[in-house]
Amino acid sequence: MKVFLDSNVLFAAVYSGLKGSYPAIILKLGKENFFDLYISSLVEYEVRHNVKKKASNKLSILREVLKTINKIPDVDLAIEKIKILPEKDRIILGTAIYYKMDFFITGNTKDFCNFYGTKIQNTYILTPRDFCYNNRG
């Protein structure tokens, strides 16, 4: 199973110190090979920027986490349904769709709320909480 993380999910996991949050649970399960985790270059850039700016004491955690996540190039995919998103969000979601990710996990309720629980091509869009609850074995 291929799981693509939005930058806010990765940031939340790192900010929590990999404890007590749904994003942290997702990272731990990915590290244990329950599924493969992916981010794009833009996601990595955004999360590095935000950790440096808002939680520089967590940079070492971020460096370790990034070693366990697959990185893929960004793709600006021209899909009508996602044109309404801001450019960075459109590129990030488009990248997940292009690489046929099974899940796109985002905590961005402002821009993705109308997409939660939907599937675009092969990719389901879920919050971290919904991903954890809907994928219990």
N, C-alpha and C. Protein backbone atom coordinates (compact mmCIF):
# COMPACT_ATOMS: atom_id res chain seq x y z
N MET A 1 0.86 -1.17 0.00
CA MET A 1 0.00 0.00 0.00
C MET A 1 0.91 1.24 0.00
N LYS A 2 0.57 2.21 -0.84
CA LYS A 2 1.35 3.44 -0.96
C LYS A 2 0.58 4.61 -0.34
N VAL A 3 1.23 5.28 0.62
CA VAL A 3 0.60 6.37 1.38
C VAL A 3 1.43 7.63 1.19
N PHE A 4 0.80 8.68 0.66
CA PHE A 4 1.46 9.96 0.41
C PHE A 4 1.06 10.92 1.52
N LEU A 5 2.05 11.56 2.15
CA LEU A 5 1.79 12.48 3.25
C LEU A 5 1.90 13.93 2.79
N ASP A 6 0.92 14.73 3.14
CA ASP A 6 0.99 16.17 2.93
C ASP A 6 1.96 16.74 3.97
N SER A 7 2.49 17.91 3.71
CA SER A 7 3.50 18.50 4.59
C SER A 7 2.97 18.74 6.00
N ASN A 8 1.69 19.08 6.14
CA ASN A 8 1.15 19.35 7.48
C ASN A 8 1.10 18.09 8.34
N VAL A 9 0.95 16.94 7.72
CA VAL A 9 0.93 15.67 8.46
C VAL A 9 2.33 15.37 8.97
N LEU A 10 3.30 15.51 8.10
CA LEU A 10 4.69 15.27 8.49
C LEU A 10 5.12 16.27 9.58
N PHE A 11 4.75 17.54 9.40
CA PHE A 11 5.08 18.55 10.41
C PHE A 11 4.46 18.20 11.76
N ALA A 12 3.19 17.82 11.76
CA ALA A 12 2.50 17.50 13.02
C ALA A 12 3.17 16.34 13.74
N ALA A 13 3.59 15.33 12.99
CA ALA A 13 4.26 14.18 13.60
C ALA A 13 5.59 14.60 14.23
N VAL A 14 6.36 15.38 13.50
CA VAL A 14 7.66 15.83 14.00
C VAL A 14 7.46 16.77 15.18
N TYR A 15 6.53 17.69 15.08
CA TYR A 15 6.27 18.66 16.14
C TYR A 15 5.88 17.96 17.45
N SER A 16 5.14 16.85 17.33
CA SER A 16 4.72 16.11 18.52
C SER A 16 5.85 15.26 19.10
N GLY A 17 6.99 15.26 18.42
CA GLY A 17 8.08 14.40 18.88
C GLY A 17 7.80 12.94 18.60
N LEU A 18 6.95 12.70 17.60
CA LEU A 18 6.52 11.36 17.19
C LEU A 18 5.73 10.65 18.30
N LYS A 19 4.98 11.44 19.06
CA LYS A 19 4.19 10.88 20.16
C LYS A 19 2.77 11.43 20.16
N GLY A 20 1.82 10.55 20.46
CA GLY A 20 0.48 10.96 20.79
C GLY A 20 -0.35 11.64 19.72
N SER A 21 -0.05 11.40 18.46
CA SER A 21 -0.87 12.01 17.41
C SER A 21 -1.09 11.00 16.29
N TYR A 22 -2.16 11.19 15.53
CA TYR A 22 -2.40 10.30 14.40
C TYR A 22 -1.27 10.38 13.37
N PRO A 23 -0.75 11.58 13.06
CA PRO A 23 0.39 11.63 12.15
C PRO A 23 1.59 10.82 12.66
N ALA A 24 1.85 10.86 13.97
CA ALA A 24 2.95 10.09 14.54
C ALA A 24 2.70 8.59 14.39
N ILE A 25 1.47 8.17 14.59
CA ILE A 25 1.11 6.75 14.43
C ILE A 25 1.36 6.31 12.99
N ILE A 26 0.97 7.15 12.04
CA ILE A 26 1.17 6.82 10.62
C ILE A 26 2.66 6.65 10.33
N LEU A 27 3.50 7.56 10.83
CA LEU A 27 4.94 7.44 10.60
C LEU A 27 5.50 6.17 11.23
N LYS A 28 5.06 5.85 12.44
CA LYS A 28 5.55 4.64 13.10
C LYS A 28 5.15 3.39 12.33
N LEU A 29 3.91 3.33 11.85
CA LEU A 29 3.47 2.17 11.09
C LEU A 29 4.21 2.06 9.75
N GLY A 30 4.48 3.20 9.14
CA GLY A 30 5.26 3.19 7.91
C GLY A 30 6.67 2.68 8.15
N LYS A 31 7.26 3.12 9.23
CA LYS A 31 8.62 2.67 9.58
C LYS A 31 8.66 1.17 9.84
N GLU A 32 7.55 0.63 10.35
CA GLU A 32 7.45 -0.81 10.61
C GLU A 32 7.00 -1.60 9.38
N ASN A 33 6.96 -0.93 8.22
CA ASN A 33 6.65 -1.55 6.93
C ASN A 33 5.22 -2.08 6.80
N PHE A 34 4.27 -1.45 7.51
CA PHE A 34 2.87 -1.80 7.30
C PHE A 34 2.40 -1.26 5.95
N PHE A 35 3.05 -0.19 5.50
CA PHE A 35 2.80 0.41 4.19
C PHE A 35 4.00 1.27 3.84
N ASP A 36 4.06 1.70 2.59
CA ASP A 36 5.16 2.55 2.13
C ASP A 36 4.74 4.01 2.19
N LEU A 37 5.59 4.85 2.78
CA LEU A 37 5.31 6.27 2.90
C LEU A 37 6.05 7.04 1.81
N TYR A 38 5.38 8.07 1.28
CA TYR A 38 5.94 8.90 0.22
C TYR A 38 5.68 10.37 0.52
N ILE A 39 6.62 11.20 0.08
CA ILE A 39 6.44 12.64 0.02
C ILE A 39 7.05 13.11 -1.30
N SER A 40 6.74 14.33 -1.67
CA SER A 40 7.34 14.91 -2.87
C SER A 40 8.39 15.93 -2.46
N SER A 41 9.10 16.44 -3.45
CA SER A 41 10.11 17.46 -3.19
C SER A 41 9.49 18.70 -2.55
N LEU A 42 8.31 19.10 -3.03
CA LEU A 42 7.64 20.27 -2.47
C LEU A 42 7.22 20.04 -1.03
N VAL A 43 6.73 18.85 -0.71
CA VAL A 43 6.38 18.52 0.67
C VAL A 43 7.62 18.61 1.55
N GLU A 44 8.72 18.03 1.08
CA GLU A 44 9.95 18.08 1.88
C GLU A 44 10.39 19.53 2.10
N TYR A 45 10.35 20.34 1.05
CA TYR A 45 10.73 21.75 1.19
C TYR A 45 9.84 22.47 2.21
N GLU A 46 8.52 22.27 2.10
CA GLU A 46 7.59 22.94 3.01
C GLU A 46 7.82 22.52 4.46
N VAL A 47 7.98 21.23 4.69
CA VAL A 47 8.12 20.77 6.07
C VAL A 47 9.46 21.21 6.65
N ARG A 48 10.52 21.18 5.85
CA ARG A 48 11.81 21.68 6.35
C ARG A 48 11.71 23.16 6.73
N HIS A 49 11.08 23.94 5.86
CA HIS A 49 10.91 25.37 6.12
C HIS A 49 10.12 25.60 7.40
N ASN A 50 9.01 24.89 7.56
CA ASN A 50 8.15 25.09 8.73
C ASN A 50 8.79 24.62 10.02
N VAL A 51 9.52 23.52 9.97
CA VAL A 51 10.20 23.06 11.19
C VAL A 51 11.29 24.05 11.58
N LYS A 52 12.06 24.53 10.61
CA LYS A 52 13.10 25.53 10.93
C LYS A 52 12.49 26.78 11.54
N LYS A 53 11.36 27.21 10.99
CA LYS A 53 10.73 28.45 11.42
C LYS A 53 9.98 28.31 12.76
N LYS A 54 9.27 27.20 12.95
CA LYS A 54 8.37 27.07 14.09
C LYS A 54 8.84 26.13 15.19
N ALA A 55 9.79 25.23 14.87
CA ALA A 55 10.20 24.24 15.87
C ALA A 55 11.62 23.76 15.57
N SER A 56 12.55 24.69 15.53
CA SER A 56 13.92 24.34 15.13
C SER A 56 14.55 23.28 16.04
N ASN A 57 14.05 23.15 17.25
CA ASN A 57 14.56 22.11 18.15
C ASN A 57 14.16 20.70 17.71
N LYS A 58 13.31 20.59 16.70
CA LYS A 58 12.86 19.28 16.19
C LYS A 58 13.56 18.89 14.88
N LEU A 59 14.55 19.66 14.45
CA LEU A 59 15.23 19.38 13.17
C LEU A 59 15.87 18.01 13.15
N SER A 60 16.43 17.56 14.26
CA SER A 60 17.06 16.24 14.28
C SER A 60 16.02 15.13 14.09
N ILE A 61 14.85 15.31 14.67
CA ILE A 61 13.76 14.34 14.47
C ILE A 61 13.37 14.32 12.99
N LEU A 62 13.23 15.48 12.40
CA LEU A 62 12.86 15.56 10.98
C LEU A 62 13.90 14.85 10.12
N ARG A 63 15.17 15.09 10.37
CA ARG A 63 16.22 14.44 9.58
C ARG A 63 16.10 12.92 9.65
N GLU A 64 15.85 12.39 10.83
CA GLU A 64 15.71 10.93 10.99
C GLU A 64 14.46 10.41 10.27
N VAL A 65 13.37 11.13 10.40
CA VAL A 65 12.11 10.72 9.75
C VAL A 65 12.28 10.70 8.23
N LEU A 66 12.93 11.71 7.69
CA LEU A 66 13.08 11.79 6.23
C LEU A 66 13.88 10.62 5.66
N LYS A 67 14.70 9.99 6.47
CA LYS A 67 15.45 8.82 6.02
C LYS A 67 14.56 7.61 5.76
N THR A 68 13.37 7.62 6.36
CA THR A 68 12.48 6.45 6.27
C THR A 68 11.34 6.63 5.26
N ILE A 69 11.33 7.77 4.56
CA ILE A 69 10.23 8.09 3.65
C ILE A 69 10.75 8.18 2.23
N ASN A 70 10.01 7.58 1.29
CA ASN A 70 10.36 7.66 -0.13
C ASN A 70 10.06 9.05 -0.66
N LYS A 71 10.96 9.57 -1.48
CA LYS A 71 10.76 10.90 -2.07
C LYS A 71 10.59 10.76 -3.58
N ILE A 72 9.59 11.47 -4.11
CA ILE A 72 9.30 11.43 -5.54
C ILE A 72 9.23 12.86 -6.08
N PRO A 73 9.51 13.03 -7.37
CA PRO A 73 9.44 14.37 -7.98
C PRO A 73 8.00 14.88 -8.06
N ASP A 74 7.86 16.19 -7.97
CA ASP A 74 6.54 16.82 -8.09
C ASP A 74 6.03 16.78 -9.53
N VAL A 75 4.71 16.71 -9.65
CA VAL A 75 4.05 16.71 -10.95
C VAL A 75 2.87 17.66 -10.87
N ASP A 76 2.79 18.61 -11.79
CA ASP A 76 1.63 19.51 -11.85
C ASP A 76 0.63 18.89 -12.82
N LEU A 77 -0.24 18.07 -12.27
CA LEU A 77 -1.18 17.28 -13.05
C LEU A 77 -2.42 18.11 -13.39
N ALA A 78 -2.78 18.13 -14.66
CA ALA A 78 -3.94 18.91 -15.10
C ALA A 78 -5.21 18.06 -15.00
N ILE A 79 -5.82 18.08 -13.83
CA ILE A 79 -7.09 17.39 -13.61
C ILE A 79 -8.11 18.45 -13.22
N GLU A 80 -9.20 18.46 -13.91
CA GLU A 80 -10.22 19.49 -13.70
C GLU A 80 -10.66 19.58 -12.24
N LYS A 81 -10.88 18.43 -11.62
CA LYS A 81 -11.41 18.40 -10.26
C LYS A 81 -10.51 19.10 -9.23
N ILE A 82 -9.20 19.13 -9.46
CA ILE A 82 -8.31 19.72 -8.47
C ILE A 82 -7.86 21.14 -8.83
N LYS A 83 -8.36 21.67 -9.93
CA LYS A 83 -7.98 23.03 -10.35
C LYS A 83 -8.38 24.09 -9.33
N ILE A 84 -9.36 23.80 -8.50
CA ILE A 84 -9.83 24.78 -7.52
C ILE A 84 -8.85 24.97 -6.36
N LEU A 85 -7.90 24.07 -6.21
CA LEU A 85 -6.94 24.15 -5.11
C LEU A 85 -5.88 25.22 -5.36
N PRO A 86 -5.34 25.79 -4.29
CA PRO A 86 -4.18 26.68 -4.46
C PRO A 86 -3.04 25.91 -5.15
N GLU A 87 -2.18 26.63 -5.83
CA GLU A 87 -1.16 25.99 -6.68
C GLU A 87 -0.33 24.93 -5.95
N LYS A 88 0.21 25.24 -4.78
CA LYS A 88 1.04 24.27 -4.07
C LYS A 88 0.25 23.02 -3.70
N ASP A 89 -0.98 23.20 -3.23
CA ASP A 89 -1.82 22.05 -2.87
C ASP A 89 -2.17 21.23 -4.10
N ARG A 90 -2.43 21.91 -5.21
CA ARG A 90 -2.76 21.21 -6.46
C ARG A 90 -1.57 20.36 -6.91
N ILE A 91 -0.37 20.91 -6.82
CA ILE A 91 0.83 20.16 -7.21
C ILE A 91 1.04 18.96 -6.30
N ILE A 92 0.87 19.15 -5.01
CA ILE A 92 1.09 18.05 -4.07
C ILE A 92 0.07 16.94 -4.27
N LEU A 93 -1.21 17.28 -4.35
CA LEU A 93 -2.23 16.25 -4.59
C LEU A 93 -2.05 15.63 -5.98
N GLY A 94 -1.77 16.46 -6.98
CA GLY A 94 -1.54 15.94 -8.33
C GLY A 94 -0.39 14.95 -8.38
N THR A 95 0.63 15.19 -7.60
CA THR A 95 1.76 14.26 -7.54
C THR A 95 1.32 12.91 -6.98
N ALA A 96 0.54 12.94 -5.92
CA ALA A 96 0.03 11.69 -5.33
C ALA A 96 -0.82 10.92 -6.34
N ILE A 97 -1.66 11.64 -7.06
CA ILE A 97 -2.53 10.99 -8.05
C ILE A 97 -1.69 10.42 -9.20
N TYR A 98 -0.75 11.20 -9.70
CA TYR A 98 0.09 10.79 -10.83
C TYR A 98 0.84 9.49 -10.53
N TYR A 99 1.36 9.38 -9.31
CA TYR A 99 2.13 8.18 -8.94
C TYR A 99 1.25 7.06 -8.37
N LYS A 100 -0.06 7.21 -8.55
CA LYS A 100 -1.03 6.18 -8.16
C LYS A 100 -0.92 5.75 -6.70
N MET A 101 -0.82 6.75 -5.83
CA MET A 101 -0.82 6.48 -4.40
C MET A 101 -2.19 5.95 -4.00
N ASP A 102 -2.20 5.01 -3.07
CA ASP A 102 -3.49 4.49 -2.59
C ASP A 102 -4.19 5.52 -1.70
N PHE A 103 -3.39 6.29 -0.94
CA PHE A 103 -3.95 7.28 -0.03
C PHE A 103 -3.15 8.57 -0.07
N PHE A 104 -3.86 9.68 0.00
CA PHE A 104 -3.27 11.00 0.21
C PHE A 104 -3.78 11.46 1.56
N ILE A 105 -2.86 11.64 2.51
CA ILE A 105 -3.24 11.99 3.87
C ILE A 105 -2.91 13.46 4.12
N THR A 106 -3.92 14.24 4.49
CA THR A 106 -3.72 15.66 4.75
C THR A 106 -4.58 16.12 5.93
N GLY A 107 -4.01 17.02 6.70
CA GLY A 107 -4.76 17.66 7.77
C GLY A 107 -5.20 19.07 7.40
N ASN A 108 -5.05 19.43 6.13
CA ASN A 108 -5.39 20.77 5.65
C ASN A 108 -6.90 20.86 5.44
N THR A 109 -7.62 21.17 6.51
CA THR A 109 -9.08 21.21 6.43
C THR A 109 -9.58 22.41 5.64
N LYS A 110 -8.78 23.44 5.55
CA LYS A 110 -9.20 24.63 4.80
C LYS A 110 -9.34 24.34 3.31
N ASP A 111 -8.32 23.75 2.73
CA ASP A 111 -8.32 23.56 1.28
C ASP A 111 -8.83 22.20 0.81
N PHE A 112 -8.75 21.17 1.66
CA PHE A 112 -9.11 19.83 1.22
C PHE A 112 -10.41 19.30 1.80
N CYS A 113 -11.14 20.10 2.58
CA CYS A 113 -12.33 19.58 3.25
C CYS A 113 -13.35 18.99 2.28
N ASN A 114 -13.49 19.55 1.09
CA ASN A 114 -14.45 19.01 0.12
C ASN A 114 -13.95 17.74 -0.57
N PHE A 115 -12.70 17.39 -0.33
CA PHE A 115 -12.13 16.20 -0.95
C PHE A 115 -12.07 15.01 0.01
N TYR A 116 -12.20 15.27 1.33
CA TYR A 116 -12.09 14.18 2.30
C TYR A 116 -13.08 13.06 2.01
N GLY A 117 -12.57 11.85 2.05
CA GLY A 117 -13.42 10.68 1.83
C GLY A 117 -13.70 10.39 0.38
N THR A 118 -13.12 11.17 -0.53
CA THR A 118 -13.34 10.92 -1.96
C THR A 118 -12.12 10.23 -2.56
N LYS A 119 -12.34 9.73 -3.74
CA LYS A 119 -11.26 9.06 -4.48
C LYS A 119 -11.13 9.75 -5.83
N ILE A 120 -9.90 10.13 -6.17
CA ILE A 120 -9.61 10.68 -7.49
C ILE A 120 -8.67 9.69 -8.16
N GLN A 121 -9.14 9.12 -9.23
CA GLN A 121 -8.45 8.03 -9.91
C GLN A 121 -8.19 6.92 -8.90
N ASN A 122 -6.93 6.64 -8.56
CA ASN A 122 -6.61 5.54 -7.62
C ASN A 122 -6.43 6.00 -6.19
N THR A 123 -6.56 7.30 -5.93
CA THR A 123 -6.10 7.87 -4.67
C THR A 123 -7.26 8.35 -3.78
N TYR A 124 -7.36 7.74 -2.58
CA TYR A 124 -8.32 8.20 -1.57
C TYR A 124 -7.70 9.34 -0.78
N ILE A 125 -8.51 10.33 -0.45
CA ILE A 125 -8.05 11.50 0.30
C ILE A 125 -8.69 11.43 1.69
N LEU A 126 -7.83 11.38 2.71
CA LEU A 126 -8.31 11.21 4.08
C LEU A 126 -7.53 12.10 5.04
N THR A 127 -8.15 12.37 6.19
CA THR A 127 -7.43 13.00 7.30
C THR A 127 -6.57 11.92 7.96
N PRO A 128 -5.57 12.32 8.74
CA PRO A 128 -4.80 11.31 9.47
C PRO A 128 -5.67 10.43 10.38
N ARG A 129 -6.62 11.06 11.04
CA ARG A 129 -7.50 10.30 11.94
C ARG A 129 -8.31 9.27 11.16
N ASP A 130 -8.93 9.69 10.06
CA ASP A 130 -9.74 8.76 9.26
C ASP A 130 -8.89 7.64 8.68
N PHE A 131 -7.68 7.95 8.28
CA PHE A 131 -6.80 6.91 7.78
C PHE A 131 -6.52 5.87 8.85
N CYS A 132 -6.24 6.31 10.06
CA CYS A 132 -5.97 5.38 11.16
C CYS A 132 -7.18 4.53 11.51
N TYR A 133 -8.35 5.15 11.56
CA TYR A 133 -9.55 4.42 11.92
C TYR A 133 -10.06 3.52 10.80
N ASN A 134 -9.96 3.96 9.57
CA ASN A 134 -10.50 3.19 8.46
C ASN A 134 -9.57 2.08 7.99
N ASN A 135 -8.36 2.01 8.52
CA ASN A 135 -7.41 1.00 8.08
C ASN A 135 -6.97 0.09 9.20
N ARG A 136 -7.80 -0.03 10.21
CA ARG A 136 -7.47 -0.97 11.28
C ARG A 136 -7.75 -2.38 10.77
N GLY A 137 -6.81 -3.27 11.02
CA GLY A 137 -6.95 -4.63 10.54
C GLY A 137 -7.67 -5.45 11.50
